[in-house]
Protein backbone atom coordinates (compact mmCIF):
# COMPACT_ATOMS: atom_id res chain seq x y z
CA MET A 1 -239.63 14.38 -68.96
CA ASN A 2 -235.92 13.26 -69.40
CA THR A 3 -237.37 9.91 -71.10
CA LEU A 4 -239.05 11.91 -73.57
CA LEU A 5 -236.48 13.93 -74.25
CA GLN A 6 -234.12 10.98 -74.72
CA LYS A 7 -236.45 9.09 -77.06
CA SER A 8 -236.90 12.06 -79.13
CA ALA A 9 -232.93 12.62 -79.14
CA THR A 10 -233.03 9.06 -80.03
CA THR A 11 -235.50 9.56 -82.87
CA ILE A 12 -234.06 12.69 -84.49
CA VAL A 13 -230.49 10.68 -84.28
CA ALA A 14 -232.14 7.79 -86.17
CA LEU A 15 -233.96 9.98 -88.73
CA ALA A 16 -230.37 11.99 -89.44
CA LEU A 17 -228.79 8.72 -89.77
CA ILE A 18 -231.49 7.04 -92.36
CA LEU A 19 -231.49 10.61 -93.83
CA GLY A 20 -227.93 10.77 -94.25
CA ALA A 21 -227.19 7.33 -95.71
CA TRP A 22 -230.26 8.09 -97.95
CA VAL A 23 -228.07 11.45 -99.65
CA ALA A 24 -225.08 9.30 -99.52
CA THR A 25 -226.81 6.56 -101.02
CA ALA A 26 -228.36 9.38 -104.10
CA GLN A 27 -225.16 11.04 -104.52
CA SER A 28 -223.26 7.81 -104.98
CA SER A 29 -225.95 6.70 -107.45
CA ALA A 30 -225.92 10.18 -109.08
CA GLU A 31 -222.22 10.02 -109.35
CA ALA A 32 -222.27 6.42 -111.21
CA ALA A 33 -225.60 7.28 -112.95
CA VAL A 34 -223.72 8.00 -116.17
CA ARG A 35 -220.84 5.92 -117.86
CA GLN A 36 -219.58 5.49 -121.06
CA THR A 37 -220.17 1.54 -122.71
CA LEU A 38 -218.64 2.21 -126.14
CA GLY A 39 -216.11 5.16 -127.16
CA TRP A 40 -215.26 5.32 -130.62
CA GLY A 41 -213.25 8.05 -132.28
CA TYR A 42 -209.98 9.77 -133.55
CA ALA A 43 -207.77 12.44 -132.25
CA ALA A 44 -208.27 16.03 -132.72
CA GLY A 45 -206.91 16.75 -136.48
CA ALA A 46 -206.33 12.89 -137.30
CA ALA A 47 -206.62 12.09 -140.96
CA THR A 48 -208.30 9.09 -140.24
CA ALA A 49 -211.68 11.34 -138.56
CA GLU A 50 -212.34 12.58 -142.44
CA PHE A 51 -214.68 10.50 -144.49
CA ASP A 52 -214.95 11.07 -148.02
CA GLY A 53 -218.25 9.48 -148.96
CA THR A 54 -216.88 5.95 -149.99
CA ARG A 55 -215.54 4.66 -146.68
CA HIS A 56 -217.08 3.34 -142.87
CA HIS A 57 -215.43 2.12 -139.67
CA GLY A 58 -216.73 0.09 -137.15
CA LEU A 59 -216.91 -3.45 -135.45
CA TYR A 60 -218.56 -6.34 -137.34
CA ASN A 61 -220.29 -9.48 -135.70
CA SER A 62 -218.15 -8.68 -132.57
CA THR A 63 -218.20 -9.67 -129.09
CA HIS A 64 -216.16 -6.65 -128.02
CA ALA A 65 -217.57 -5.63 -124.55
CA ASP A 66 -218.42 -2.26 -126.40
CA VAL A 67 -220.69 -3.65 -128.24
CA THR A 68 -222.09 -6.10 -125.65
CA GLY A 69 -222.17 -3.34 -123.22
CA SER A 70 -224.00 -1.27 -125.30
CA ALA A 71 -226.46 -3.46 -126.67
CA ALA A 72 -227.83 -4.20 -123.37
CA LEU A 73 -229.11 -0.74 -122.99
CA SER A 74 -233.06 0.02 -122.98
CA GLU A 75 -232.30 3.71 -122.08
CA GLY A 76 -228.89 6.23 -122.43
CA THR A 77 -227.28 8.65 -125.07
CA ILE A 78 -225.99 8.09 -128.11
CA GLN A 79 -223.23 11.16 -129.09
CA VAL A 80 -221.81 12.37 -132.27
CA SER A 81 -219.20 14.95 -133.20
CA PHE A 82 -218.88 15.73 -136.34
CA THR A 83 -218.57 18.37 -138.78
CA PRO A 84 -220.50 18.01 -142.63
CA LYS A 85 -218.70 18.64 -145.79
CA ARG A 86 -222.31 17.58 -147.71
CA SER A 87 -225.85 18.82 -147.54
CA THR A 88 -227.18 16.34 -149.94
CA GLY A 89 -228.47 12.98 -149.91
CA VAL A 90 -229.15 10.56 -146.62
CA GLN A 91 -225.96 10.34 -144.23
CA THR A 92 -225.09 8.02 -141.72
CA LEU A 93 -223.90 8.97 -138.67
CA ALA A 94 -223.95 5.72 -136.66
CA HIS A 95 -225.74 2.46 -137.39
CA PHE A 96 -226.35 -0.33 -134.80
CA PHE A 97 -226.99 -3.65 -135.94
CA ASN A 98 -227.51 -7.64 -135.91
CA SER A 99 -225.19 -8.70 -138.73
CA ALA A 100 -227.53 -10.97 -139.79
CA ALA A 101 -230.42 -8.43 -139.77
CA PRO A 102 -228.95 -4.91 -140.53
CA ASP A 103 -232.19 -3.34 -141.65
CA ALA A 104 -233.61 -3.67 -138.29
CA GLY A 105 -230.70 -1.78 -136.51
CA ALA A 106 -230.82 1.44 -134.93
CA VAL A 107 -229.89 4.37 -137.22
CA LEU A 108 -228.68 8.25 -136.65
CA ALA A 109 -228.39 10.19 -139.68
CA THR A 110 -228.58 13.49 -141.57
CA ASP A 111 -229.73 14.55 -144.87
CA GLY A 112 -228.47 18.29 -144.18
CA ARG A 113 -231.61 19.79 -142.99
CA SER A 114 -232.83 17.07 -140.44
CA LEU A 115 -231.88 14.80 -138.25
CA VAL A 116 -232.84 10.68 -138.20
CA TRP A 117 -233.33 8.69 -135.61
CA LYS A 118 -234.57 5.27 -137.22
CA VAL A 119 -235.19 1.91 -134.60
CA GLY A 120 -236.49 -1.11 -136.70
CA ALA A 121 -239.45 0.33 -138.59
CA SER A 122 -239.91 3.51 -136.56
CA GLN A 123 -238.69 6.61 -137.50
CA VAL A 124 -238.23 10.31 -135.94
CA THR A 125 -237.48 13.07 -138.53
CA VAL A 126 -236.26 16.44 -136.82
CA PRO A 127 -235.55 19.61 -139.28
CA VAL A 128 -232.26 21.39 -137.87
CA GLU A 129 -229.69 23.65 -139.84
CA LEU A 130 -226.60 22.22 -140.07
CA ALA A 131 -223.60 24.67 -140.61
CA LEU A 132 -221.36 23.04 -143.65
CA ASN A 133 -217.43 23.04 -142.44
CA GLN A 134 -218.41 23.64 -138.51
CA PRO A 135 -218.02 21.62 -135.81
CA HIS A 136 -221.79 19.77 -134.67
CA GLN A 137 -222.66 17.61 -131.74
CA VAL A 138 -225.94 15.54 -131.50
CA HIS A 139 -227.22 13.47 -128.18
CA VAL A 140 -229.67 11.19 -129.07
CA THR A 141 -231.16 10.36 -125.29
CA VAL A 142 -234.19 8.10 -124.22
CA THR A 143 -234.84 7.82 -120.60
CA GLU A 144 -238.19 7.13 -118.84
CA GLY A 145 -239.79 6.17 -122.14
CA ARG A 146 -239.36 9.66 -123.52
CA LEU A 147 -236.87 10.64 -126.64
CA ARG A 148 -234.59 13.80 -126.35
CA ILE A 149 -232.70 14.95 -129.11
CA PHE A 150 -230.02 17.65 -128.87
CA LEU A 151 -227.86 19.64 -131.30
CA ASP A 152 -225.28 21.35 -130.09
CA ALA A 153 -226.42 21.27 -126.60
CA SER A 154 -229.83 22.46 -127.44
CA PRO A 155 -233.22 20.90 -127.31
CA VAL A 156 -234.42 20.17 -130.63
CA HIS A 157 -237.22 17.30 -130.35
CA PHE A 158 -238.78 15.78 -127.00
CA GLY A 159 -241.45 12.96 -127.78
CA ASP A 160 -242.26 9.39 -126.87
CA SER A 161 -239.24 6.73 -127.45
CA ILE A 162 -239.20 4.40 -130.71
CA GLY A 163 -236.63 2.22 -128.65
CA PHE A 164 -232.91 2.27 -127.86
CA LEU A 165 -230.04 -0.12 -128.51
CA SER A 166 -231.59 -2.94 -126.53
CA SER A 167 -234.66 -2.68 -128.85
CA VAL A 168 -231.95 -4.18 -131.81
CA THR A 169 -232.35 -8.05 -131.15
CA GLY A 170 -228.91 -9.64 -131.16
CA MET A 171 -226.74 -6.48 -131.84
CA ASN A 172 -223.44 -7.37 -132.45
CA SER A 173 -222.21 -4.81 -134.98
CA PHE A 174 -221.73 -1.05 -135.15
CA ASP A 175 -220.66 1.46 -137.90
CA ILE A 176 -219.86 5.16 -138.15
CA GLY A 177 -219.80 6.65 -141.97
CA GLY A 178 -221.86 4.22 -143.31
CA ARG A 179 -225.28 1.80 -143.12
CA ASN A 180 -224.82 -1.80 -143.29
CA THR A 181 -226.74 -3.41 -145.75
CA SER A 182 -225.91 -6.94 -146.26
CA GLY A 183 -222.76 -8.68 -145.26
CA GLN A 184 -219.27 -7.31 -144.15
CA ASN A 185 -218.94 -5.23 -147.37
CA GLY A 186 -222.21 -4.20 -148.11
CA TYR A 187 -222.84 -0.36 -147.29
CA ALA A 188 -224.74 2.39 -148.36
CA ASP A 189 -225.40 6.15 -147.36
CA PHE A 190 -221.81 7.03 -146.76
CA TYR A 191 -221.19 10.18 -144.62
CA THR A 192 -219.02 13.08 -146.10
CA GLY A 193 -217.20 15.18 -143.44
CA THR A 194 -215.33 14.79 -140.15
CA LEU A 195 -216.40 12.24 -137.78
CA GLN A 196 -214.43 12.89 -134.74
CA ARG A 197 -216.07 10.69 -132.15
CA LEU A 198 -219.07 8.10 -131.25
CA SER A 199 -219.76 7.69 -127.64
CA VAL A 200 -222.87 5.60 -125.86
CA LEU A 201 -223.60 6.31 -122.19
CA THR A 202 -225.74 4.59 -119.95
CA GLY A 203 -227.87 7.90 -119.00
CA PRO A 204 -228.66 11.45 -120.00
CA LEU A 205 -225.88 14.51 -119.84
CA THR A 206 -226.87 17.89 -118.60
CA THR A 207 -226.15 20.68 -121.30
CA THR A 208 -223.49 21.76 -118.77
CA GLN A 209 -221.64 18.45 -119.85
CA MET A 210 -222.40 18.55 -123.54
CA ARG A 211 -220.40 21.60 -123.31
CA THR A 212 -217.70 20.79 -121.36
CA VAL A 213 -214.37 18.64 -122.02
CA ASP A 214 -214.78 15.64 -120.02
CA GLN A 215 -212.41 12.08 -120.62
CA ALA A 216 -214.62 10.10 -119.65
CA LEU A 217 -217.91 11.14 -121.20
CA ASN A 218 -217.29 14.19 -123.66
CA ARG A 219 -213.89 14.96 -125.31
CA PHE A 220 -214.98 16.75 -128.28
CA PRO A 221 -217.65 20.05 -127.00
CA VAL A 222 -219.16 21.88 -129.50
CA GLY A 223 -218.01 25.24 -129.29
CA LEU A 224 -216.54 28.17 -131.32
CA GLY A 225 -213.50 26.72 -132.89
CA ASP A 226 -210.99 29.27 -131.97
CA PHE A 227 -210.65 33.26 -132.22
CA THR A 228 -209.47 32.82 -135.80
CA THR A 229 -212.94 32.25 -136.07
CA LEU A 230 -214.07 34.93 -134.34
CA GLY A 231 -211.58 37.67 -135.85
CA ALA A 232 -212.95 36.80 -139.13
CA GLU A 233 -216.68 37.69 -137.62
CA LEU A 234 -215.34 41.20 -136.54
CA ALA A 235 -213.39 41.86 -139.51
CA PRO A 236 -213.80 44.97 -141.52
CA ALA A 237 -214.38 43.00 -144.84
CA ARG A 238 -216.66 40.54 -143.71
CA THR A 239 -220.24 41.06 -145.34
CA GLY A 240 -223.97 40.54 -144.19
CA ASN A 241 -225.56 41.11 -140.86
CA ARG A 242 -225.05 39.15 -137.58
CA THR A 243 -226.81 38.74 -134.34
CA TRP A 244 -224.58 38.65 -131.16
CA VAL A 245 -225.99 37.57 -128.20
CA PHE A 246 -224.52 38.26 -124.96
CA THR A 247 -225.88 35.79 -121.80
CA GLY A 248 -224.06 35.56 -118.40
CA ASP A 249 -224.86 37.19 -114.76
CA SER A 250 -224.61 40.63 -113.31
CA ILE A 251 -221.40 41.71 -115.08
CA THR A 252 -223.22 40.90 -118.37
CA HIS A 253 -227.14 42.40 -117.00
CA GLY A 254 -224.88 45.39 -116.05
CA ASN A 255 -227.78 48.38 -115.12
CA VAL A 256 -227.04 48.82 -111.40
CA HIS A 257 -224.22 46.70 -111.15
CA THR A 258 -221.91 48.67 -113.34
CA TYR A 259 -222.38 51.94 -111.78
CA GLY A 260 -223.66 53.70 -114.63
CA VAL A 261 -220.59 52.71 -116.92
CA ARG A 262 -221.59 51.19 -120.11
CA THR A 263 -221.76 47.37 -120.17
CA TRP A 264 -219.52 45.01 -121.89
CA SER A 265 -222.07 44.17 -124.67
CA GLU A 266 -222.85 47.86 -125.10
CA GLN A 267 -218.86 48.74 -125.42
CA PHE A 268 -219.07 46.01 -127.88
CA ALA A 269 -222.15 47.08 -130.18
CA GLN A 270 -220.07 50.77 -130.17
CA ARG A 271 -217.08 48.90 -131.22
CA LEU A 272 -219.52 47.08 -134.13
CA VAL A 273 -220.05 50.74 -135.70
CA GLU A 274 -216.54 51.14 -135.42
CA LEU A 275 -215.60 48.25 -137.51
CA GLY A 276 -218.06 48.68 -140.31
CA HIS A 277 -220.50 46.66 -139.10
CA ALA A 278 -223.67 49.00 -137.69
CA SER A 279 -226.51 47.03 -139.26
CA ASP A 280 -225.19 43.91 -136.57
CA THR A 281 -227.49 43.62 -133.74
CA VAL A 282 -226.46 42.91 -130.19
CA VAL A 283 -228.99 41.24 -127.84
CA ASN A 284 -228.08 41.11 -124.04
CA THR A 285 -230.36 38.26 -122.09
CA GLY A 286 -227.57 38.68 -119.05
CA ILE A 287 -229.51 37.90 -115.54
CA SER A 288 -228.28 39.28 -112.08
CA GLY A 289 -227.44 36.62 -109.82
CA ASP A 290 -227.36 34.02 -112.45
CA THR A 291 -225.02 30.77 -112.10
CA SER A 292 -223.27 28.76 -114.53
CA VAL A 293 -225.85 25.95 -114.22
CA GLY A 294 -228.38 28.67 -115.14
CA THR A 295 -227.17 30.00 -117.91
CA SER A 296 -225.79 26.79 -119.39
CA SER A 297 -229.91 25.67 -119.32
CA THR A 298 -230.99 28.97 -120.55
CA LEU A 299 -228.23 29.45 -123.62
CA GLY A 300 -229.86 27.48 -125.95
CA VAL A 301 -233.20 29.07 -125.83
CA ASN A 302 -231.74 32.30 -125.72
CA THR A 303 -229.80 32.10 -128.79
CA ARG A 304 -232.40 30.27 -130.95
CA PHE A 305 -234.90 33.03 -129.59
CA ALA A 306 -232.86 35.46 -131.01
CA ASP A 307 -231.72 33.69 -133.89
CA ALA A 308 -228.00 34.21 -132.90
CA SER A 309 -225.38 34.13 -135.24
CA VAL A 310 -222.57 34.15 -132.44
CA PRO A 311 -223.46 33.55 -128.81
CA THR A 312 -221.32 34.47 -125.87
CA SER A 313 -221.37 34.28 -122.38
CA ARG A 314 -219.26 35.95 -119.38
CA MET A 315 -219.56 34.64 -115.78
CA SER A 316 -217.76 36.46 -112.77
CA SER A 317 -216.12 33.53 -110.53
CA SER A 318 -218.70 33.81 -107.71
CA SER A 319 -221.80 32.29 -110.18
CA CYS A 320 -219.85 29.23 -111.22
CA SER A 321 -221.65 27.08 -108.93
CA GLY A 322 -225.09 25.62 -109.00
């Protein structure tokens, strides 16, 4: 009996050690899973981030580590933070190419009504709505043979991959703001607006990471610019109707959690009436017990389903977890 117990105990300890090593390895792999191989951009508000439809910027026929490190990626994420100021014509956000064969490169572009991801002769076009003079962020992610495209941290496309940067044979160049056509000075499809940053990452980001400031991964997340913008939406002189979508946990959900007192979305709706915006719509998508992870993963779905003009979230400190 003692021998059996000893053997069982030994087996349990061995399994625990194996499991512990596996968990530690998994955690270590997860922590190291996503890193930046290319980062190109400008400080917030810098004049150099403004593209007037005639300029571009990047590295041409280069052996820079950002280029060579990104060229080897068969999967990963391309991330661009931008503010468009023109809605007509094809405009290049980023072009990755071999200087000897630029047409066989990978291009991320917009025409004001759609996002275009093109690798060689293959192309995916995704209809979207891009508000002029408003910040946007696009993520093109390729993992496990699948292509995912996100606009402002909301999914807009899911399908088969048409390739990633390793598909660009001999990639030695990249550009933002223009598409290379031939030689060091041949460019077309110029962009008009702000191009804040281009990043290439080795893997996917979560929607929470897309919205979070992280110096290593995401320096310019998309969000409501400032309270001045919000104030303009609430101003009595504002014309047109808006849809306000509230999301969060129990303090947004209300019901029994506010003990019969009006929730803050209900109080906000009353304030809209007082400001002369009685025709605005207020939608409450709060879920009691939800967490920041859960809310961030459904925010895009909720705001698109309700055709939101202004999404807003409020969470208690106890919900800021997975």
